[in-house]
Amino acid sequence: MRHRVEIKPSEHQFYVESNETVLDAALRQGINLRYGCRNGACGACKGKLLTGNIHYDEDPIALTDEDKQQNQVLFCAAHVDSELVIEVDEVELDSAIEIKSLPCRVHEMNHLADDVMQIFIKLPAAERLQFLPGQYIDILLEDGRHRSFSIANAPHNDEFLELHIRLVEQGLFTPKVFNSMQNKDLLRIEGPHGSFFFHDESNKDILLIAGGTGFAPIKSIIEHLLSEQVERPVKLYWGVRSEADLYMRELAEKWAQEQSNLSFIPVLSAADSNWSGRTGYVHEAVLEDFADLSAFDVYACGPPAMIKAAEQSFQEKGMNKKQFFYDAFDFAQDQ
């Protein structure tokens, strides 16, 4: 049985089948809701349930008791039990962006750090994947599951797709990347996905915050900005545990040296005595540097805890929530 869903304030309507989530149904019918992980871990698809009933197969990680009391719902995990009225902002996507499922081959692999692998994958000769800077692809596994990775190259440079893959010790996919994957191995991908991407219609200053391999989509955005010769001031903060985790530090420093409108601030949360730079959590470094964040578009990519802390504290410093764009990385493990 299917149920109708009405969105406030847009008044858009769509229908949800009994075997799909609200998010999947919306995307299938051309309704672009904000989303990220699609498994209830990041909270990007959160919105308010005004009327109607839903249920979850499993209680979503990113939904707190406070969220539930306020009738907040994660649409990537919610199944409908009745007609719904929901309150959520929609995302303007380029209508030319097409989600494709394609075969590809591993072209090149490089160790960027002990636990980070850079992979370049090549699509079939007659294919190109059009995407927006900041979006991600899914690698489709043989058992039907998928693993999501941000695209690290900019859209104008699309001969290969560049991924930064962090090793998850008990993971289903990443140990194979580090232990057995070779050049010319065949993969199947689907994408692009994600409502996190650069918005070029704004004239605000740009604040970019990366946590760990959240640097990958930030790299895509910066390379897009450089290609388009965007002159808006850009502040890049990259938070990691140790100096060795700054796996593309030289590239970020090169951007800052060559671009007068771009600055780079690395922040270490577990620095040793040899580190003379900024320490602590990356969002706290931003708070120390700016008393007022109302003039910024903020793009943040990294662990859910980093995203949550940044969103709450930055609003207290004047950031408009609608100017906060994020992708919360949840590292899936094989349980």
Protein backbone atom coordinates (compact mmCIF):
# COMPACT_ATOMS: atom_id res chain seq x y z
CA MET A 1 0.00 0.00 0.00
CA ARG A 2 1.28 3.48 -0.79
CA HIS A 3 0.76 6.71 1.15
CA ARG A 4 0.87 10.37 0.16
CA VAL A 5 3.43 12.71 1.71
CA GLU A 6 3.08 16.49 1.65
CA ILE A 7 6.08 18.75 2.26
CA LYS A 8 5.91 22.07 4.09
CA PRO A 9 6.58 24.82 3.20
CA SER A 10 6.92 23.90 -0.50
CA GLU A 11 3.52 22.11 -0.74
CA HIS A 12 5.17 19.46 -2.94
CA GLN A 13 3.64 15.98 -2.76
CA PHE A 14 4.87 12.47 -3.50
CA TYR A 15 3.92 8.87 -2.75
CA VAL A 16 5.77 6.28 -0.69
CA GLU A 17 5.41 2.54 -1.31
CA SER A 18 5.31 0.13 1.62
CA ASN A 19 8.76 -1.28 0.84
CA GLU A 20 10.71 2.00 0.62
CA THR A 21 11.80 4.81 2.88
CA VAL A 22 10.52 8.36 2.67
CA LEU A 23 13.90 9.53 1.31
CA ASP A 24 14.10 6.84 -1.38
CA ALA A 25 10.56 7.63 -2.52
CA ALA A 26 11.24 11.37 -2.65
CA LEU A 27 14.44 10.97 -4.68
CA ARG A 28 12.73 8.51 -7.04
CA GLN A 29 10.08 11.13 -7.82
CA GLY A 30 12.44 14.04 -8.28
CA ILE A 31 12.03 15.56 -4.80
CA ASN A 32 15.51 16.50 -3.58
CA LEU A 33 15.73 16.24 0.19
CA ARG A 34 19.00 16.80 2.01
CA TYR A 35 20.76 13.50 2.77
CA GLY A 36 24.14 11.96 3.42
CA CYS A 37 24.83 8.43 4.69
CA ARG A 38 21.37 6.97 3.97
CA ASN A 39 21.65 4.60 6.96
CA GLY A 40 20.47 6.75 9.87
CA ALA A 41 23.93 7.60 11.19
CA CYS A 42 24.63 11.16 10.05
CA GLY A 43 21.36 13.02 10.61
CA ALA A 44 21.54 15.03 7.39
CA CYS A 45 18.02 14.00 6.32
CA LYS A 46 16.38 15.08 9.57
CA GLY A 47 13.04 16.89 9.38
CA LYS A 48 9.84 17.36 11.37
CA LEU A 49 6.81 15.11 11.27
CA LEU A 50 3.74 17.37 11.45
CA THR A 51 1.02 14.74 11.02
CA GLY A 52 0.91 10.99 10.38
CA ASN A 53 2.76 7.91 11.57
CA ILE A 54 6.06 6.31 10.62
CA HIS A 55 8.19 3.43 11.87
CA TYR A 56 11.85 2.35 11.68
CA ASP A 57 13.21 -1.13 11.09
CA GLU A 58 15.95 -0.20 13.59
CA ASP A 59 16.27 2.85 15.85
CA PRO A 60 18.48 5.34 13.93
CA ILE A 61 21.79 6.22 15.56
CA ALA A 62 21.52 9.94 14.79
CA LEU A 63 18.07 10.41 16.34
CA THR A 64 18.32 11.55 19.96
CA ASP A 65 15.65 11.42 22.65
CA GLU A 66 15.35 15.19 22.35
CA ASP A 67 14.80 14.85 18.59
CA LYS A 68 12.01 12.35 19.20
CA GLN A 69 10.30 14.66 21.68
CA GLN A 70 10.32 17.37 19.02
CA ASN A 71 8.84 14.99 16.38
CA GLN A 72 12.07 14.99 14.39
CA VAL A 73 12.36 12.14 11.87
CA LEU A 74 15.21 10.68 9.82
CA PHE A 75 13.69 10.23 6.39
CA CYS A 76 16.41 7.86 5.14
CA ALA A 77 15.21 5.25 7.65
CA ALA A 78 11.52 6.12 8.05
CA HIS A 79 8.77 3.90 6.60
CA VAL A 80 5.24 5.26 6.35
CA ASP A 81 2.16 3.88 8.14
CA SER A 82 -0.26 6.60 7.00
CA GLU A 83 -0.41 9.79 4.98
CA LEU A 84 2.17 12.29 6.21
CA VAL A 85 2.75 16.00 6.38
CA ILE A 86 6.43 16.80 6.94
CA GLU A 87 8.45 19.98 7.35
CA VAL A 88 11.84 19.96 5.65
CA ASP A 89 13.91 22.12 3.33
CA GLU A 90 14.44 20.90 -0.21
CA VAL A 91 17.72 21.11 -2.10
CA GLU A 92 18.16 22.67 -5.52
CA LEU A 93 20.10 20.23 -7.70
CA ASP A 94 21.26 20.65 -11.29
CA SER A 95 18.61 18.90 -13.35
CA ALA A 96 21.33 17.65 -15.71
CA ILE A 97 22.91 15.50 -12.98
CA GLU A 98 22.01 11.88 -13.71
CA ILE A 99 22.56 9.00 -11.27
CA LYS A 100 24.25 6.15 -13.13
CA SER A 101 25.33 2.60 -12.36
CA LEU A 102 28.57 1.90 -14.18
CA PRO A 103 31.43 -0.61 -14.32
CA CYS A 104 34.90 0.80 -13.77
CA ARG A 105 38.47 -0.35 -13.26
CA VAL A 106 41.09 0.53 -10.70
CA HIS A 107 43.67 2.63 -12.55
CA GLU A 108 46.13 3.62 -9.82
CA MET A 109 46.58 3.15 -6.06
CA ASN A 110 48.76 5.21 -3.72
CA HIS A 111 49.31 5.04 0.05
CA LEU A 112 48.73 8.57 1.34
CA ALA A 113 49.12 7.43 4.96
CA ASP A 114 49.34 4.10 6.77
CA ASP A 115 45.54 3.93 6.85
CA VAL A 116 44.56 6.06 3.83
CA MET A 117 44.62 4.83 0.23
CA GLN A 118 44.22 7.08 -2.78
CA ILE A 119 42.47 5.28 -5.63
CA PHE A 120 41.91 6.51 -9.17
CA ILE A 121 39.17 4.64 -10.99
CA LYS A 122 38.53 4.78 -14.72
CA LEU A 123 35.09 4.63 -16.29
CA PRO A 124 34.32 3.01 -19.66
CA ALA A 125 35.73 5.00 -22.59
CA ALA A 126 32.30 6.21 -23.73
CA GLU A 127 31.12 7.25 -20.26
CA ARG A 128 31.58 10.28 -18.01
CA LEU A 129 30.06 10.83 -14.60
CA GLN A 130 28.70 14.35 -14.20
CA PHE A 131 28.76 15.43 -10.55
CA LEU A 132 28.85 18.47 -8.30
CA PRO A 133 31.93 19.25 -6.16
CA GLY A 134 31.38 17.59 -2.78
CA GLN A 135 29.19 14.65 -3.89
CA TYR A 136 30.03 10.97 -3.44
CA ILE A 137 29.68 7.61 -5.19
CA ASP A 138 28.68 4.19 -3.91
CA ILE A 139 30.83 1.16 -4.60
CA LEU A 140 28.40 -1.72 -5.07
CA LEU A 141 29.42 -4.98 -3.40
CA GLU A 142 28.60 -8.48 -4.57
CA ASP A 143 26.15 -9.13 -1.72
CA GLY A 144 24.04 -6.10 -2.63
CA ARG A 145 25.44 -3.80 0.02
CA HIS A 146 27.34 -0.63 -0.80
CA ARG A 147 30.11 1.54 0.57
CA SER A 148 30.13 5.31 0.03
CA PHE A 149 33.18 7.44 -0.75
CA SER A 150 33.44 11.12 -1.60
CA ILE A 151 34.85 12.16 -4.95
CA ALA A 152 38.12 14.01 -4.34
CA ASN A 153 38.65 15.50 -7.79
CA ALA A 154 36.78 18.47 -9.24
CA PRO A 155 34.12 17.96 -11.93
CA HIS A 156 36.19 19.63 -14.68
CA ASN A 157 38.97 17.07 -14.17
CA ASP A 158 36.98 13.87 -14.68
CA GLU A 159 39.21 11.54 -16.66
CA PHE A 160 39.46 9.51 -13.45
CA LEU A 161 37.48 9.53 -10.21
CA GLU A 162 39.73 10.03 -7.19
CA LEU A 163 38.80 8.47 -3.83
CA HIS A 164 40.49 8.66 -0.41
CA ILE A 165 39.72 5.41 1.41
CA ARG A 166 40.45 5.03 5.12
CA LEU A 167 41.08 1.53 6.45
CA VAL A 168 38.35 0.24 8.76
CA GLU A 169 39.85 -2.82 10.47
CA GLN A 170 36.59 -4.80 10.72
CA GLY A 171 35.16 -3.31 7.55
CA LEU A 172 33.52 -5.29 4.79
CA PHE A 173 35.30 -3.51 1.93
CA THR A 174 38.30 -1.43 2.97
CA PRO A 175 40.56 -4.32 4.16
CA LYS A 176 40.30 -5.71 0.61
CA VAL A 177 41.45 -2.35 -0.73
CA PHE A 178 44.59 -2.46 1.41
CA ASN A 179 45.32 -6.19 1.28
CA SER A 180 44.32 -7.54 -2.12
CA MET A 181 43.07 -4.90 -4.54
CA GLN A 182 45.24 -4.33 -7.60
CA ASN A 183 45.33 -2.12 -10.65
CA LYS A 184 42.81 -3.16 -13.33
CA ASP A 185 40.48 -4.77 -10.79
CA LEU A 186 36.86 -4.39 -11.83
CA LEU A 187 34.39 -2.48 -9.63
CA ARG A 188 30.83 -1.29 -10.07
CA ILE A 189 29.80 2.16 -8.90
CA GLU A 190 26.60 4.15 -8.59
CA GLY A 191 26.33 7.90 -8.36
CA PRO A 192 26.66 10.70 -7.91
CA HIS A 193 24.85 10.88 -4.59
CA GLY A 194 24.53 13.39 -1.80
CA SER A 195 23.00 16.78 -1.17
CA PHE A 196 26.36 18.15 0.02
CA PHE A 197 27.88 20.22 -2.76
CA PHE A 198 29.25 23.71 -3.38
CA HIS A 199 26.68 26.50 -3.85
CA ASP A 200 28.06 29.06 -6.27
CA GLU A 201 25.13 31.47 -6.11
CA SER A 202 26.27 32.99 -2.81
CA ASN A 203 28.70 35.89 -2.31
CA LYS A 204 29.57 35.07 1.31
CA ASP A 205 33.06 34.17 2.49
CA ILE A 206 33.75 30.42 2.42
CA LEU A 207 34.68 28.42 5.52
CA LEU A 208 35.77 24.83 4.81
CA ILE A 209 36.20 22.33 7.65
CA ALA A 210 37.55 18.82 7.11
CA GLY A 211 37.89 16.05 9.65
CA GLY A 212 40.20 13.18 8.60
CA THR A 213 39.31 11.92 5.11
CA GLY A 214 36.59 14.56 5.04
CA PHE A 215 39.39 16.36 3.22
CA ALA A 216 38.40 14.48 0.03
CA PRO A 217 35.19 16.39 -0.84
CA ILE A 218 36.78 19.62 0.42
CA LYS A 219 39.61 19.03 -2.07
CA SER A 220 37.01 18.68 -4.82
CA ILE A 221 35.42 21.98 -3.81
CA ILE A 222 38.74 23.85 -3.63
CA GLU A 223 39.89 22.57 -7.02
CA HIS A 224 36.54 23.68 -8.43
CA LEU A 225 37.00 27.14 -6.89
CA LEU A 226 40.47 27.41 -8.39
CA SER A 227 39.24 26.30 -11.81
CA GLU A 228 36.42 28.85 -11.73
CA GLN A 229 38.78 31.56 -10.39
CA VAL A 230 36.43 32.32 -7.50
CA GLU A 231 37.78 35.32 -5.61
CA ARG A 232 35.70 34.99 -2.42
CA PRO A 233 37.88 34.58 0.71
CA VAL A 234 38.37 30.90 1.60
CA LYS A 235 39.38 29.58 5.04
CA LEU A 236 40.37 25.89 5.17
CA TYR A 237 40.60 24.11 8.53
CA TRP A 238 41.72 20.46 8.57
CA GLY A 239 41.41 18.57 11.84
CA VAL A 240 43.19 15.25 12.43
CA ARG A 241 44.73 13.38 15.34
CA SER A 242 48.45 13.44 14.48
CA GLU A 243 50.73 15.17 11.99
CA ALA A 244 50.99 11.96 9.95
CA ASP A 245 47.23 12.13 9.34
CA LEU A 246 47.64 15.33 7.29
CA TYR A 247 48.09 13.10 4.28
CA MET A 248 47.97 15.91 1.67
CA ARG A 249 49.42 18.70 3.76
CA GLU A 250 51.84 19.84 1.04
CA LEU A 251 48.98 20.30 -1.44
CA ALA A 252 46.94 22.37 1.05
CA GLU A 253 50.00 24.51 1.85
CA LYS A 254 50.63 25.00 -1.88
CA TRP A 255 47.07 26.29 -2.34
CA ALA A 256 47.59 28.78 0.50
CA GLN A 257 50.94 29.96 -0.86
CA GLU A 258 49.68 30.48 -4.41
CA GLN A 259 46.20 31.88 -3.68
CA SER A 260 46.04 35.19 -1.84
CA ASN A 261 42.38 34.62 -0.92
CA LEU A 262 42.94 31.15 0.61
CA SER A 263 44.35 30.29 4.03
CA PHE A 264 45.05 26.85 5.51
CA ILE A 265 44.97 26.00 9.23
CA PRO A 266 45.78 22.40 10.27
CA VAL A 267 44.60 21.40 13.76
CA LEU A 268 45.82 18.34 15.69
CA SER A 269 43.78 16.79 18.50
CA ALA A 270 46.58 14.47 19.72
CA ALA A 271 49.75 16.36 18.83
CA ASP A 272 53.18 15.34 20.09
CA SER A 273 55.85 17.71 21.40
CA ASN A 274 57.27 18.30 17.90
CA TRP A 275 54.11 20.02 16.67
CA SER A 276 54.14 23.82 16.93
CA GLY A 277 50.80 24.50 15.23
CA ARG A 278 47.19 24.60 16.41
CA THR A 279 45.90 21.90 18.73
CA GLY A 280 42.52 20.73 20.00
CA TYR A 281 39.32 20.06 18.12
CA VAL A 282 38.98 21.67 14.73
CA HIS A 283 35.64 23.38 15.37
CA GLU A 284 37.08 24.93 18.53
CA ALA A 285 39.89 26.44 16.48
CA VAL A 286 37.29 28.12 14.28
CA LEU A 287 35.48 29.47 17.34
CA GLU A 288 38.75 30.89 18.66
CA ASP A 289 39.42 32.69 15.36
CA PHE A 290 35.99 34.20 14.68
CA ALA A 291 33.64 36.00 17.02
CA ASP A 292 30.94 36.24 14.34
CA LEU A 293 30.26 33.57 11.68
CA SER A 294 27.25 35.26 10.07
CA ALA A 295 29.32 36.30 7.03
CA PHE A 296 30.27 32.72 6.08
CA ASP A 297 28.96 29.84 4.04
CA VAL A 298 30.22 26.86 6.04
CA TYR A 299 31.06 23.50 4.43
CA ALA A 300 31.97 20.72 6.88
CA CYS A 301 32.90 17.09 6.23
CA GLY A 302 33.96 14.58 8.85
CA PRO A 303 32.76 12.41 11.74
CA PRO A 304 29.19 12.91 13.00
CA ALA A 305 30.43 14.19 16.37
CA MET A 306 32.45 16.93 14.67
CA ILE A 307 29.48 17.95 12.52
CA LYS A 308 27.10 18.09 15.47
CA ALA A 309 29.50 20.13 17.61
CA ALA A 310 30.20 22.55 14.77
CA GLU A 311 26.56 23.06 13.84
CA GLN A 312 25.49 23.86 17.40
CA SER A 313 28.43 26.07 18.38
CA PHE A 314 28.61 27.94 15.08
CA GLN A 315 24.95 28.95 15.32
CA GLU A 316 25.75 30.42 18.72
CA LYS A 317 28.34 32.57 16.90
CA GLY A 318 25.80 33.89 14.40
CA MET A 319 25.93 31.31 11.61
CA ASN A 320 22.65 30.95 9.72
CA LYS A 321 21.68 27.27 9.77
CA LYS A 322 20.74 27.49 6.09
CA GLN A 323 24.35 28.45 5.33
CA PHE A 324 25.70 25.27 6.98
CA PHE A 325 26.31 22.50 4.45
CA TYR A 326 27.71 19.21 5.70
CA ASP A 327 28.45 15.56 5.05
CA ALA A 328 28.84 13.41 8.15
CA PHE A 329 31.07 10.39 7.56
CA ASP A 330 30.00 7.16 9.22
CA PHE A 331 32.51 4.34 8.75
CA ALA A 332 30.43 1.22 8.12
CA GLN A 333 31.71 -1.99 9.67
CA ASP A 334 30.85 -5.62 9.02
CA GLN A 335 29.16 -6.80 12.20
